[in-house]
């Protein structure tokens, strides 16, 4: 089985390809900014997506708790999995990413105020941004926790594409949103979550990306 590139410990070291610490830091900052902006657009149209981010949005529509706090709390159980399966380096990077996204989730509303967007546009733009941001983070050995960790572990250990694994898990979250979101928004949200995972499946796969 070809070793996936999300786990660089199994790969040869191509000269001149390995990311520097500055590139990793910049990648994490850019990736978390893009992901958090996508989630802000989704929240602005009262939509959901998959993963722990989508679950945090969903719970936030029911309880009056800031998204950032929910996002950090819901991701806690997945840290044990990350430590045992992905190692401390990945886990620490992921913890930093979760913290940054949580902070930025409080910054964007202050910068943009209340947005009046069509639901379809907010869902499309939000998921595209989140997908691109996740790609950046994956390629710098990090994630935003939760289902991302499960998907990456499945890709590393079983050879399953991370995007397809996450798509299956995301379906559960989107279906659960029927309890608090209207059917039309859920259908659009489901299409948006599928788009996000299609972006991951097409662009994050073993053998396709040589930098790490």
N, C-alpha and C. Protein backbone atom coordinates (compact mmCIF):
# COMPACT_ATOMS: atom_id res chain seq x y z
N UNK A 1 0.85 -1.20 0.00
CA UNK A 1 0.00 0.00 0.00
C UNK A 1 0.88 1.25 0.00
N UNK A 2 0.61 2.16 -0.88
CA UNK A 2 1.38 3.40 -0.94
C UNK A 2 1.06 4.24 0.28
N UNK A 3 2.08 4.72 0.96
CA UNK A 3 1.86 5.53 2.17
C UNK A 3 1.29 6.89 1.81
N UNK A 4 0.19 7.31 2.43
CA UNK A 4 -0.41 8.60 2.14
C UNK A 4 0.51 9.73 2.56
N UNK A 5 0.36 10.83 1.88
CA UNK A 5 1.24 11.97 2.14
C UNK A 5 0.84 12.77 3.35
N UNK A 6 -0.32 12.45 3.94
CA UNK A 6 -0.68 13.15 5.17
C UNK A 6 0.14 12.66 6.34
N UNK A 7 0.87 11.55 6.16
CA UNK A 7 1.75 11.05 7.19
C UNK A 7 3.17 11.00 6.63
N UNK A 8 3.92 12.09 6.70
CA UNK A 8 5.21 12.20 6.05
C UNK A 8 6.29 11.28 6.62
N UNK A 9 6.04 10.65 7.77
CA UNK A 9 7.06 9.80 8.36
C UNK A 9 7.33 8.57 7.51
N UNK A 10 6.43 8.19 6.62
CA UNK A 10 6.59 7.00 5.80
C UNK A 10 7.19 7.32 4.43
N UNK A 11 7.54 8.57 4.20
CA UNK A 11 7.97 8.98 2.87
C UNK A 11 9.46 9.28 2.82
N UNK A 12 10.08 9.07 1.63
CA UNK A 12 11.45 9.55 1.45
C UNK A 12 11.48 11.06 1.51
N UNK A 13 12.62 11.63 1.73
CA UNK A 13 12.74 13.08 1.84
C UNK A 13 13.28 13.64 0.54
N UNK A 14 12.41 14.15 -0.35
CA UNK A 14 12.88 14.74 -1.60
C UNK A 14 13.62 16.03 -1.31
N UNK A 15 14.81 16.22 -1.83
CA UNK A 15 15.57 17.44 -1.56
C UNK A 15 14.84 18.68 -2.05
N UNK A 16 14.78 19.69 -1.19
CA UNK A 16 14.18 20.96 -1.60
C UNK A 16 12.67 21.00 -1.57
N UNK A 17 12.00 19.94 -1.04
CA UNK A 17 10.54 19.90 -1.06
C UNK A 17 9.94 20.13 0.32
N UNK A 18 10.63 19.68 1.36
CA UNK A 18 10.09 19.78 2.70
C UNK A 18 9.79 21.23 3.07
N UNK A 19 8.63 21.44 3.70
CA UNK A 19 8.25 22.79 4.12
C UNK A 19 9.17 23.28 5.24
N UNK A 20 9.49 24.54 5.21
CA UNK A 20 10.23 25.16 6.30
C UNK A 20 9.25 25.51 7.41
N UNK A 21 9.78 25.85 8.60
CA UNK A 21 8.91 26.21 9.71
C UNK A 21 8.09 27.45 9.36
N UNK A 22 8.68 28.38 8.61
CA UNK A 22 7.96 29.58 8.23
C UNK A 22 6.80 29.24 7.29
N UNK A 23 7.06 28.36 6.33
CA UNK A 23 6.00 27.95 5.40
C UNK A 23 4.88 27.24 6.15
N UNK A 24 5.23 26.39 7.13
CA UNK A 24 4.20 25.73 7.93
C UNK A 24 3.38 26.74 8.72
N UNK A 25 4.07 27.70 9.34
CA UNK A 25 3.36 28.70 10.13
C UNK A 25 2.44 29.55 9.25
N UNK A 26 2.95 29.96 8.10
CA UNK A 26 2.14 30.76 7.18
C UNK A 26 0.97 29.93 6.65
N UNK A 27 1.23 28.66 6.33
CA UNK A 27 0.16 27.79 5.84
C UNK A 27 -0.94 27.61 6.86
N UNK A 28 -0.57 27.44 8.12
CA UNK A 28 -1.56 27.26 9.18
C UNK A 28 -2.38 28.54 9.36
N UNK A 29 -1.72 29.69 9.33
CA UNK A 29 -2.44 30.96 9.49
C UNK A 29 -3.41 31.20 8.34
N UNK A 30 -2.95 30.97 7.12
CA UNK A 30 -3.80 31.18 5.95
C UNK A 30 -4.94 30.15 5.95
N UNK A 31 -4.61 28.88 6.21
CA UNK A 31 -5.62 27.84 6.19
C UNK A 31 -6.72 28.06 7.21
N UNK A 32 -6.34 28.42 8.43
CA UNK A 32 -7.35 28.65 9.47
C UNK A 32 -8.19 29.88 9.16
N UNK A 33 -7.57 30.90 8.58
CA UNK A 33 -8.34 32.10 8.22
C UNK A 33 -9.39 31.76 7.18
N UNK A 34 -9.00 31.01 6.15
CA UNK A 34 -9.93 30.67 5.08
C UNK A 34 -11.05 29.77 5.60
N UNK A 35 -10.70 28.77 6.43
CA UNK A 35 -11.72 27.89 7.01
C UNK A 35 -12.70 28.69 7.86
N UNK A 36 -12.18 29.54 8.72
CA UNK A 36 -13.05 30.31 9.62
C UNK A 36 -13.96 31.27 8.86
N UNK A 37 -13.46 31.83 7.76
CA UNK A 37 -14.29 32.72 6.95
C UNK A 37 -15.41 31.94 6.29
N UNK A 38 -15.09 30.73 5.83
CA UNK A 38 -16.13 29.88 5.25
C UNK A 38 -17.21 29.54 6.27
N UNK A 39 -16.80 29.20 7.48
CA UNK A 39 -17.77 28.88 8.53
C UNK A 39 -18.61 30.10 8.90
N UNK A 40 -18.01 31.27 8.86
CA UNK A 40 -18.76 32.50 9.14
C UNK A 40 -19.87 32.70 8.11
N UNK A 41 -19.57 32.45 6.84
CA UNK A 41 -20.60 32.58 5.80
C UNK A 41 -21.71 31.57 6.01
N UNK A 42 -21.36 30.36 6.37
CA UNK A 42 -22.38 29.34 6.63
C UNK A 42 -23.28 29.74 7.80
N UNK A 43 -22.67 30.24 8.85
CA UNK A 43 -23.45 30.67 10.01
C UNK A 43 -24.34 31.86 9.66
N UNK A 44 -23.87 32.71 8.76
CA UNK A 44 -24.63 33.91 8.38
C UNK A 44 -25.95 33.56 7.71
N UNK A 45 -25.98 32.40 7.02
CA UNK A 45 -27.22 31.99 6.33
C UNK A 45 -27.92 30.87 7.09
N UNK A 46 -27.49 30.65 8.34
CA UNK A 46 -28.12 29.65 9.22
C UNK A 46 -28.07 28.26 8.60
N UNK A 47 -26.96 27.95 7.94
CA UNK A 47 -26.79 26.65 7.30
C UNK A 47 -25.85 25.79 8.13
N UNK A 48 -25.69 24.56 7.70
CA UNK A 48 -24.76 23.66 8.37
C UNK A 48 -23.82 23.06 7.33
N UNK A 49 -22.83 22.37 7.83
CA UNK A 49 -21.95 21.60 6.96
C UNK A 49 -21.59 20.35 7.75
N UNK A 50 -20.59 19.60 7.29
CA UNK A 50 -20.24 18.38 7.99
C UNK A 50 -19.17 18.60 9.03
N UNK A 51 -18.71 17.50 9.63
CA UNK A 51 -17.61 17.55 10.57
C UNK A 51 -18.00 18.17 11.91
N UNK A 52 -17.00 18.33 12.76
CA UNK A 52 -17.26 18.95 14.06
C UNK A 52 -17.59 20.43 13.91
N UNK A 53 -17.15 21.04 12.82
CA UNK A 53 -17.53 22.43 12.57
C UNK A 53 -19.04 22.51 12.32
N UNK A 54 -19.55 21.60 11.48
CA UNK A 54 -20.99 21.57 11.23
C UNK A 54 -21.76 21.21 12.48
N UNK A 55 -21.22 20.27 13.26
CA UNK A 55 -21.88 19.90 14.51
C UNK A 55 -21.91 21.07 15.48
N UNK A 56 -20.84 21.86 15.51
CA UNK A 56 -20.79 23.04 16.37
C UNK A 56 -21.81 24.08 15.93
N UNK A 57 -21.93 24.28 14.61
CA UNK A 57 -22.95 25.19 14.10
C UNK A 57 -24.34 24.71 14.50
N UNK A 58 -24.57 23.41 14.35
CA UNK A 58 -25.87 22.83 14.66
C UNK A 58 -26.24 23.02 16.13
N UNK A 59 -25.30 22.70 17.01
CA UNK A 59 -25.56 22.86 18.44
C UNK A 59 -25.74 24.34 18.79
N UNK A 60 -25.00 25.21 18.11
CA UNK A 60 -25.10 26.63 18.37
C UNK A 60 -26.46 27.22 18.02
N UNK A 61 -27.19 26.57 17.11
CA UNK A 61 -28.53 27.04 16.78
C UNK A 61 -29.54 26.67 17.87
N UNK A 62 -29.14 25.75 18.75
CA UNK A 62 -30.04 25.27 19.80
C UNK A 62 -29.72 25.91 21.14
N UNK A 63 -28.43 26.05 21.45
CA UNK A 63 -28.01 26.61 22.74
C UNK A 63 -27.28 27.93 22.50
N UNK A 64 -27.39 28.82 23.46
CA UNK A 64 -26.78 30.14 23.34
C UNK A 64 -25.35 30.11 23.86
N UNK A 65 -24.49 29.45 23.08
CA UNK A 65 -23.07 29.35 23.42
C UNK A 65 -22.27 29.77 22.19
N UNK A 66 -21.24 30.59 22.33
CA UNK A 66 -20.46 31.03 21.17
C UNK A 66 -19.90 29.85 20.38
N UNK A 67 -19.86 30.01 19.07
CA UNK A 67 -19.36 28.94 18.20
C UNK A 67 -17.95 28.51 18.58
N UNK A 68 -17.08 29.46 18.87
CA UNK A 68 -15.69 29.13 19.19
C UNK A 68 -15.58 28.20 20.38
N UNK A 69 -16.39 28.45 21.42
CA UNK A 69 -16.36 27.60 22.62
C UNK A 69 -16.88 26.20 22.30
N UNK A 70 -17.96 26.12 21.54
CA UNK A 70 -18.50 24.82 21.16
C UNK A 70 -17.52 24.04 20.30
N UNK A 71 -16.89 24.73 19.36
CA UNK A 71 -15.95 24.09 18.45
C UNK A 71 -14.78 23.47 19.21
N UNK A 72 -14.25 24.20 20.17
CA UNK A 72 -13.14 23.67 20.97
C UNK A 72 -13.58 22.51 21.84
N UNK A 73 -14.76 22.62 22.44
CA UNK A 73 -15.25 21.59 23.34
C UNK A 73 -15.56 20.28 22.60
N UNK A 74 -16.24 20.38 21.47
CA UNK A 74 -16.62 19.19 20.72
C UNK A 74 -15.40 18.46 20.17
N UNK A 75 -14.32 19.19 19.94
CA UNK A 75 -13.11 18.57 19.39
C UNK A 75 -12.26 17.85 20.43
N UNK A 76 -12.52 18.08 21.71
CA UNK A 76 -11.67 17.50 22.74
C UNK A 76 -11.56 15.97 22.66
N UNK A 77 -12.66 15.22 22.50
CA UNK A 77 -12.54 13.75 22.47
C UNK A 77 -11.66 13.23 21.34
N UNK A 78 -11.57 13.97 20.25
CA UNK A 78 -10.81 13.51 19.10
C UNK A 78 -9.30 13.67 19.30
N UNK A 79 -8.91 14.41 20.34
CA UNK A 79 -7.48 14.59 20.57
C UNK A 79 -6.79 13.29 20.99
N UNK A 80 -7.49 12.46 21.74
CA UNK A 80 -6.90 11.17 22.12
C UNK A 80 -6.60 10.33 20.88
N UNK A 81 -7.53 10.36 19.93
CA UNK A 81 -7.32 9.62 18.68
C UNK A 81 -6.13 10.20 17.92
N UNK A 82 -6.04 11.51 17.90
CA UNK A 82 -4.94 12.17 17.18
C UNK A 82 -3.59 11.82 17.80
N UNK A 83 -3.54 11.82 19.13
CA UNK A 83 -2.27 11.53 19.81
C UNK A 83 -1.82 10.10 19.52
N UNK A 84 -2.75 9.15 19.58
CA UNK A 84 -2.38 7.74 19.42
C UNK A 84 -2.12 7.36 17.97
N UNK A 85 -2.81 8.00 17.03
CA UNK A 85 -2.71 7.59 15.63
C UNK A 85 -1.86 8.51 14.77
N UNK A 86 -1.77 9.78 15.14
CA UNK A 86 -1.07 10.75 14.29
C UNK A 86 0.18 11.35 14.94
N UNK A 87 0.33 11.15 16.26
CA UNK A 87 1.51 11.66 16.94
C UNK A 87 1.34 13.08 17.48
N UNK A 88 2.30 13.47 18.31
CA UNK A 88 2.21 14.77 18.99
C UNK A 88 2.36 15.95 18.03
N UNK A 89 3.20 15.81 17.02
CA UNK A 89 3.42 16.93 16.10
C UNK A 89 2.11 17.32 15.43
N UNK A 90 1.42 16.34 14.86
CA UNK A 90 0.14 16.60 14.21
C UNK A 90 -0.88 17.12 15.21
N UNK A 91 -0.91 16.52 16.40
CA UNK A 91 -1.91 16.90 17.41
C UNK A 91 -1.72 18.34 17.87
N UNK A 92 -0.46 18.72 18.13
CA UNK A 92 -0.19 20.09 18.57
C UNK A 92 -0.56 21.09 17.48
N UNK A 93 -0.20 20.77 16.24
CA UNK A 93 -0.57 21.66 15.13
C UNK A 93 -2.08 21.80 15.02
N UNK A 94 -2.78 20.69 15.17
CA UNK A 94 -4.23 20.71 15.09
C UNK A 94 -4.84 21.51 16.23
N UNK A 95 -4.28 21.36 17.42
CA UNK A 95 -4.77 22.16 18.55
C UNK A 95 -4.61 23.65 18.31
N UNK A 96 -3.49 24.03 17.71
CA UNK A 96 -3.26 25.43 17.37
C UNK A 96 -4.30 25.90 16.35
N UNK A 97 -4.57 25.06 15.36
CA UNK A 97 -5.55 25.42 14.32
C UNK A 97 -6.94 25.61 14.92
N UNK A 98 -7.33 24.70 15.80
CA UNK A 98 -8.65 24.80 16.44
C UNK A 98 -8.74 26.10 17.24
N UNK A 99 -7.68 26.42 17.96
CA UNK A 99 -7.67 27.66 18.76
C UNK A 99 -7.80 28.89 17.87
N UNK A 100 -7.08 28.91 16.75
CA UNK A 100 -7.13 30.06 15.85
C UNK A 100 -8.51 30.21 15.23
N UNK A 101 -9.08 29.09 14.77
CA UNK A 101 -10.43 29.15 14.19
C UNK A 101 -11.43 29.63 15.22
N UNK A 102 -11.30 29.17 16.46
CA UNK A 102 -12.21 29.59 17.52
C UNK A 102 -12.13 31.10 17.75
N UNK A 103 -10.91 31.64 17.75
CA UNK A 103 -10.73 33.08 17.95
C UNK A 103 -11.28 33.86 16.76
N UNK A 104 -10.95 33.42 15.56
CA UNK A 104 -11.40 34.14 14.36
C UNK A 104 -12.92 34.10 14.21
N UNK A 105 -13.56 33.07 14.77
CA UNK A 105 -15.02 32.98 14.67
C UNK A 105 -15.69 34.13 15.42
N UNK A 106 -14.97 34.73 16.36
CA UNK A 106 -15.49 35.90 17.07
C UNK A 106 -15.06 37.20 16.39
N UNK A 107 -14.01 37.14 15.57
CA UNK A 107 -13.50 38.34 14.90
C UNK A 107 -14.32 38.68 13.66
N UNK A 108 -14.63 37.68 12.84
CA UNK A 108 -15.33 37.96 11.58
C UNK A 108 -16.65 38.70 11.76
N UNK A 109 -17.51 38.33 12.72
CA UNK A 109 -18.75 39.09 12.89
C UNK A 109 -18.53 40.56 13.20
N UNK A 110 -17.45 40.85 13.91
CA UNK A 110 -17.15 42.25 14.24
C UNK A 110 -16.67 43.02 13.00
N UNK A 111 -16.00 42.34 12.09
CA UNK A 111 -15.48 42.97 10.89
C UNK A 111 -16.58 43.16 9.82
N UNK A 112 -17.43 42.16 9.68
CA UNK A 112 -18.44 42.17 8.61
C UNK A 112 -19.82 42.60 9.06
N UNK A 113 -20.10 42.46 10.35
CA UNK A 113 -21.45 42.74 10.82
C UNK A 113 -22.40 41.65 10.37
N UNK A 114 -23.69 41.96 10.36
CA UNK A 114 -24.69 40.99 9.90
C UNK A 114 -24.77 41.02 8.38
N UNK A 115 -24.59 39.85 7.77
CA UNK A 115 -24.64 39.75 6.31
C UNK A 115 -26.01 39.28 5.86
N UNK A 116 -26.49 39.84 4.77
CA UNK A 116 -27.77 39.42 4.17
C UNK A 116 -27.46 38.75 2.84
N UNK A 117 -27.23 37.45 2.88
CA UNK A 117 -26.82 36.70 1.70
C UNK A 117 -27.90 35.69 1.31
N UNK A 118 -28.04 35.40 0.02
CA UNK A 118 -28.88 34.28 -0.38
C UNK A 118 -28.32 32.99 0.21
N UNK A 119 -29.19 32.11 0.65
CA UNK A 119 -28.74 30.88 1.29
C UNK A 119 -27.82 30.07 0.38
N UNK A 120 -28.22 29.93 -0.88
CA UNK A 120 -27.43 29.11 -1.81
C UNK A 120 -26.02 29.66 -1.97
N UNK A 121 -25.91 30.99 -2.08
CA UNK A 121 -24.58 31.59 -2.24
C UNK A 121 -23.75 31.41 -0.98
N UNK A 122 -24.35 31.65 0.18
CA UNK A 122 -23.62 31.51 1.43
C UNK A 122 -23.11 30.09 1.64
N UNK A 123 -23.95 29.11 1.30
CA UNK A 123 -23.55 27.70 1.45
C UNK A 123 -22.45 27.35 0.46
N UNK A 124 -22.62 27.77 -0.80
CA UNK A 124 -21.61 27.46 -1.83
C UNK A 124 -20.27 28.10 -1.47
N UNK A 125 -20.28 29.40 -1.22
CA UNK A 125 -19.03 30.10 -0.91
C UNK A 125 -18.41 29.60 0.38
N UNK A 126 -19.24 29.35 1.38
CA UNK A 126 -18.73 28.88 2.67
C UNK A 126 -18.03 27.54 2.57
N UNK A 127 -18.63 26.61 1.84
CA UNK A 127 -18.02 25.28 1.71
C UNK A 127 -16.79 25.28 0.81
N UNK A 128 -16.80 26.11 -0.23
CA UNK A 128 -15.60 26.20 -1.07
C UNK A 128 -14.43 26.74 -0.25
N UNK A 129 -14.68 27.80 0.52
CA UNK A 129 -13.61 28.36 1.36
C UNK A 129 -13.13 27.35 2.40
N UNK A 130 -14.08 26.67 3.04
CA UNK A 130 -13.70 25.68 4.05
C UNK A 130 -12.89 24.55 3.43
N UNK A 131 -13.29 24.09 2.24
CA UNK A 131 -12.56 23.02 1.57
C UNK A 131 -11.15 23.43 1.20
N UNK A 132 -10.99 24.61 0.65
CA UNK A 132 -9.66 25.11 0.27
C UNK A 132 -8.79 25.28 1.52
N UNK A 133 -9.38 25.82 2.58
CA UNK A 133 -8.64 26.00 3.82
C UNK A 133 -8.17 24.67 4.41
N UNK A 134 -9.04 23.66 4.37
CA UNK A 134 -8.66 22.34 4.88
C UNK A 134 -7.52 21.74 4.06
N UNK A 135 -7.55 21.92 2.75
CA UNK A 135 -6.46 21.42 1.90
C UNK A 135 -5.13 22.03 2.33
N UNK A 136 -5.15 23.34 2.57
CA UNK A 136 -3.92 24.01 3.00
C UNK A 136 -3.43 23.41 4.32
N UNK A 137 -4.34 23.20 5.25
CA UNK A 137 -3.94 22.66 6.56
C UNK A 137 -3.44 21.22 6.44
N UNK A 138 -4.13 20.40 5.65
CA UNK A 138 -3.69 19.01 5.47
C UNK A 138 -2.27 18.97 4.93
N UNK A 139 -1.96 19.86 4.02
CA UNK A 139 -0.64 19.84 3.39
C UNK A 139 0.46 20.42 4.29
N UNK A 140 0.04 20.94 5.42
CA UNK A 140 1.02 21.39 6.42
C UNK A 140 0.86 20.58 7.70
N UNK A 141 0.49 19.31 7.53
CA UNK A 141 0.43 18.33 8.62
C UNK A 141 -0.42 18.80 9.79
N UNK A 142 -1.61 19.30 9.49
CA UNK A 142 -2.51 19.76 10.53
C UNK A 142 -3.94 19.62 10.03
N UNK A 143 -4.89 19.93 10.90
CA UNK A 143 -6.31 19.88 10.53
C UNK A 143 -7.07 20.76 11.51
N UNK A 144 -8.38 20.72 11.45
CA UNK A 144 -9.19 21.42 12.44
C UNK A 144 -9.90 20.42 13.33
N UNK A 145 -9.29 19.25 13.46
CA UNK A 145 -9.76 18.27 14.43
C UNK A 145 -10.95 17.46 13.98
N UNK A 146 -11.53 16.75 14.95
CA UNK A 146 -12.76 16.02 14.72
C UNK A 146 -12.72 15.01 13.60
N UNK A 147 -13.68 15.12 12.69
CA UNK A 147 -13.81 14.16 11.61
C UNK A 147 -12.61 14.22 10.67
N UNK A 148 -11.93 15.37 10.60
CA UNK A 148 -10.73 15.45 9.79
C UNK A 148 -9.70 14.43 10.25
N UNK A 149 -9.57 14.29 11.58
CA UNK A 149 -8.62 13.33 12.13
C UNK A 149 -9.03 11.91 11.77
N UNK A 150 -10.31 11.59 11.94
CA UNK A 150 -10.81 10.26 11.60
C UNK A 150 -10.57 9.97 10.12
N UNK A 151 -10.84 10.95 9.26
CA UNK A 151 -10.67 10.76 7.82
C UNK A 151 -9.21 10.55 7.45
N UNK A 152 -8.32 11.32 8.06
CA UNK A 152 -6.89 11.18 7.77
C UNK A 152 -6.34 9.85 8.28
N UNK A 153 -6.81 9.42 9.45
CA UNK A 153 -6.38 8.13 9.98
C UNK A 153 -6.85 7.00 9.06
N UNK A 154 -8.09 7.09 8.58
CA UNK A 154 -8.61 6.07 7.66
C UNK A 154 -7.81 6.05 6.36
N UNK A 155 -7.40 7.23 5.89
CA UNK A 155 -6.59 7.27 4.67
C UNK A 155 -5.20 6.68 4.92
N UNK A 156 -4.61 7.02 6.06
CA UNK A 156 -3.27 6.54 6.38
C UNK A 156 -3.25 5.03 6.60
N UNK A 157 -4.22 4.52 7.36
CA UNK A 157 -4.19 3.12 7.76
C UNK A 157 -4.86 2.19 6.76
N UNK A 158 -5.90 2.68 6.09
CA UNK A 158 -6.68 1.80 5.22
C UNK A 158 -6.58 2.15 3.74
N UNK A 159 -6.00 3.32 3.43
CA UNK A 159 -5.88 3.73 2.04
C UNK A 159 -7.15 4.34 1.49
N UNK A 160 -8.14 4.61 2.34
CA UNK A 160 -9.38 5.24 1.89
C UNK A 160 -9.13 6.74 1.71
N UNK A 161 -9.73 7.33 0.69
CA UNK A 161 -9.58 8.77 0.47
C UNK A 161 -10.25 9.54 1.59
N UNK A 162 -9.51 10.52 2.12
CA UNK A 162 -10.00 11.29 3.25
C UNK A 162 -11.33 11.98 2.93
N UNK A 163 -11.46 12.48 1.70
CA UNK A 163 -12.69 13.19 1.33
C UNK A 163 -13.91 12.31 1.37
N UNK A 164 -13.78 11.06 0.91
CA UNK A 164 -14.92 10.15 0.89
C UNK A 164 -15.30 9.70 2.30
N UNK A 165 -14.29 9.48 3.14
CA UNK A 165 -14.57 9.11 4.53
C UNK A 165 -15.32 10.23 5.23
N UNK A 166 -14.83 11.44 5.04
CA UNK A 166 -15.47 12.57 5.69
C UNK A 166 -16.88 12.79 5.14
N UNK A 167 -17.08 12.51 3.85
CA UNK A 167 -18.40 12.68 3.27
C UNK A 167 -19.43 11.80 3.97
N UNK A 168 -19.05 10.56 4.27
CA UNK A 168 -19.97 9.65 4.95
C UNK A 168 -20.31 10.15 6.35
N UNK A 169 -19.28 10.62 7.07
CA UNK A 169 -19.52 11.13 8.42
C UNK A 169 -20.34 12.42 8.40
N UNK A 170 -20.06 13.25 7.41
CA UNK A 170 -20.78 14.52 7.30
C UNK A 170 -22.26 14.32 7.04
N UNK A 171 -22.59 13.26 6.31
CA UNK A 171 -24.00 12.98 6.00
C UNK A 171 -24.82 12.85 7.27
N UNK A 172 -24.23 12.21 8.28
CA UNK A 172 -24.93 12.04 9.55
C UNK A 172 -25.24 13.39 10.19
N UNK A 173 -24.25 14.29 10.18
CA UNK A 173 -24.43 15.61 10.78
C UNK A 173 -25.50 16.41 10.04
N UNK A 174 -25.44 16.39 8.70
CA UNK A 174 -26.39 17.15 7.91
C UNK A 174 -27.81 16.62 8.12
N UNK A 175 -27.97 15.31 8.17
CA UNK A 175 -29.30 14.74 8.41
C UNK A 175 -29.81 15.12 9.79
N UNK A 176 -28.92 15.18 10.77
CA UNK A 176 -29.33 15.57 12.13
C UNK A 176 -29.82 17.01 12.18
N UNK A 177 -29.38 17.83 11.23
CA UNK A 177 -29.78 19.24 11.23
C UNK A 177 -31.25 19.42 10.88
N UNK A 178 -31.89 18.36 10.39
CA UNK A 178 -33.33 18.43 10.09
C UNK A 178 -34.14 18.77 11.34
N UNK A 179 -33.56 18.52 12.51
CA UNK A 179 -34.28 18.79 13.75
C UNK A 179 -34.37 20.27 14.08
N UNK A 180 -33.49 21.09 13.50
CA UNK A 180 -33.48 22.51 13.86
C UNK A 180 -33.45 23.45 12.66
N UNK A 181 -33.22 22.93 11.46
CA UNK A 181 -33.13 23.77 10.26
C UNK A 181 -34.19 23.31 9.26
N UNK A 182 -34.75 24.26 8.50
CA UNK A 182 -35.80 23.90 7.56
C UNK A 182 -35.26 23.00 6.44
N UNK A 183 -36.17 22.24 5.85
CA UNK A 183 -35.78 21.21 4.88
C UNK A 183 -35.02 21.80 3.69
N UNK A 184 -35.46 22.96 3.20
CA UNK A 184 -34.79 23.57 2.06
C UNK A 184 -33.34 23.90 2.35
N UNK A 185 -33.09 24.47 3.53
CA UNK A 185 -31.72 24.81 3.91
C UNK A 185 -30.89 23.55 4.11
N UNK A 186 -31.51 22.50 4.64
CA UNK A 186 -30.78 21.23 4.83
C UNK A 186 -30.36 20.65 3.49
N UNK A 187 -31.24 20.71 2.50
CA UNK A 187 -30.92 20.17 1.18
C UNK A 187 -29.75 20.94 0.55
N UNK A 188 -29.80 22.27 0.67
CA UNK A 188 -28.70 23.09 0.14
C UNK A 188 -27.42 22.82 0.93
N UNK A 189 -27.55 22.65 2.25
CA UNK A 189 -26.39 22.36 3.08
C UNK A 189 -25.77 21.02 2.70
N UNK A 190 -26.62 20.04 2.41
CA UNK A 190 -26.10 18.72 2.01
C UNK A 190 -25.30 18.82 0.72
N UNK A 191 -25.82 19.61 -0.24
CA UNK A 191 -25.10 19.80 -1.49
C UNK A 191 -23.77 20.51 -1.24
N UNK A 192 -23.78 21.48 -0.33
CA UNK A 192 -22.55 22.20 0.00
C UNK A 192 -21.52 21.31 0.66
N UNK A 193 -21.97 20.45 1.60
CA UNK A 193 -21.05 19.53 2.27
C UNK A 193 -20.46 18.55 1.27
N UNK A 194 -21.28 18.09 0.31
CA UNK A 194 -20.77 17.19 -0.73
C UNK A 194 -19.72 17.89 -1.57
N UNK A 195 -19.95 19.17 -1.87
CA UNK A 195 -18.97 19.95 -2.64
C UNK A 195 -17.66 20.06 -1.88
N UNK A 196 -17.74 20.36 -0.59
CA UNK A 196 -16.52 20.47 0.22
C UNK A 196 -15.71 19.18 0.17
N UNK A 197 -16.39 18.05 0.34
CA UNK A 197 -15.68 16.78 0.37
C UNK A 197 -15.20 16.36 -1.01
N UNK A 198 -15.89 16.80 -2.06
CA UNK A 198 -15.42 16.54 -3.41
C UNK A 198 -14.11 17.28 -3.66
N UNK A 199 -14.02 18.51 -3.14
CA UNK A 199 -12.79 19.28 -3.25
C UNK A 199 -11.64 18.53 -2.58
N UNK A 200 -11.90 17.98 -1.39
CA UNK A 200 -10.87 17.22 -0.68
C UNK A 200 -10.51 15.94 -1.41
N UNK A 201 -11.52 15.22 -1.90
CA UNK A 201 -11.27 13.94 -2.56
C UNK A 201 -10.46 14.11 -3.84
N UNK A 202 -10.70 15.19 -4.56
CA UNK A 202 -9.99 15.40 -5.83
C UNK A 202 -8.57 15.90 -5.64
N UNK A 203 -8.33 16.58 -4.52
CA UNK A 203 -7.04 17.26 -4.36
C UNK A 203 -6.16 16.72 -3.25
N UNK A 204 -6.71 15.91 -2.34
CA UNK A 204 -5.90 15.37 -1.27
C UNK A 204 -5.96 13.85 -1.33
N UNK A 205 -4.98 13.25 -1.98
CA UNK A 205 -4.96 11.81 -2.16
C UNK A 205 -3.51 11.32 -2.23
N UNK A 206 -3.25 10.09 -1.85
CA UNK A 206 -1.88 9.57 -1.85
C UNK A 206 -1.20 9.70 -3.20
N UNK A 207 0.04 10.17 -3.20
CA UNK A 207 0.83 10.24 -4.41
C UNK A 207 0.64 11.48 -5.24
N UNK A 208 -0.29 12.36 -4.86
CA UNK A 208 -0.58 13.52 -5.69
C UNK A 208 0.21 14.74 -5.28
N UNK A 209 0.59 14.83 -4.02
CA UNK A 209 1.24 16.04 -3.53
C UNK A 209 2.58 15.66 -2.92
N UNK A 210 3.66 16.30 -3.36
CA UNK A 210 4.99 15.88 -2.95
C UNK A 210 5.57 16.70 -1.81
N UNK A 211 4.98 17.84 -1.48
CA UNK A 211 5.49 18.66 -0.38
C UNK A 211 4.92 18.23 0.95
N UNK A 212 5.65 18.44 2.03
CA UNK A 212 5.12 18.11 3.35
C UNK A 212 5.89 18.88 4.42
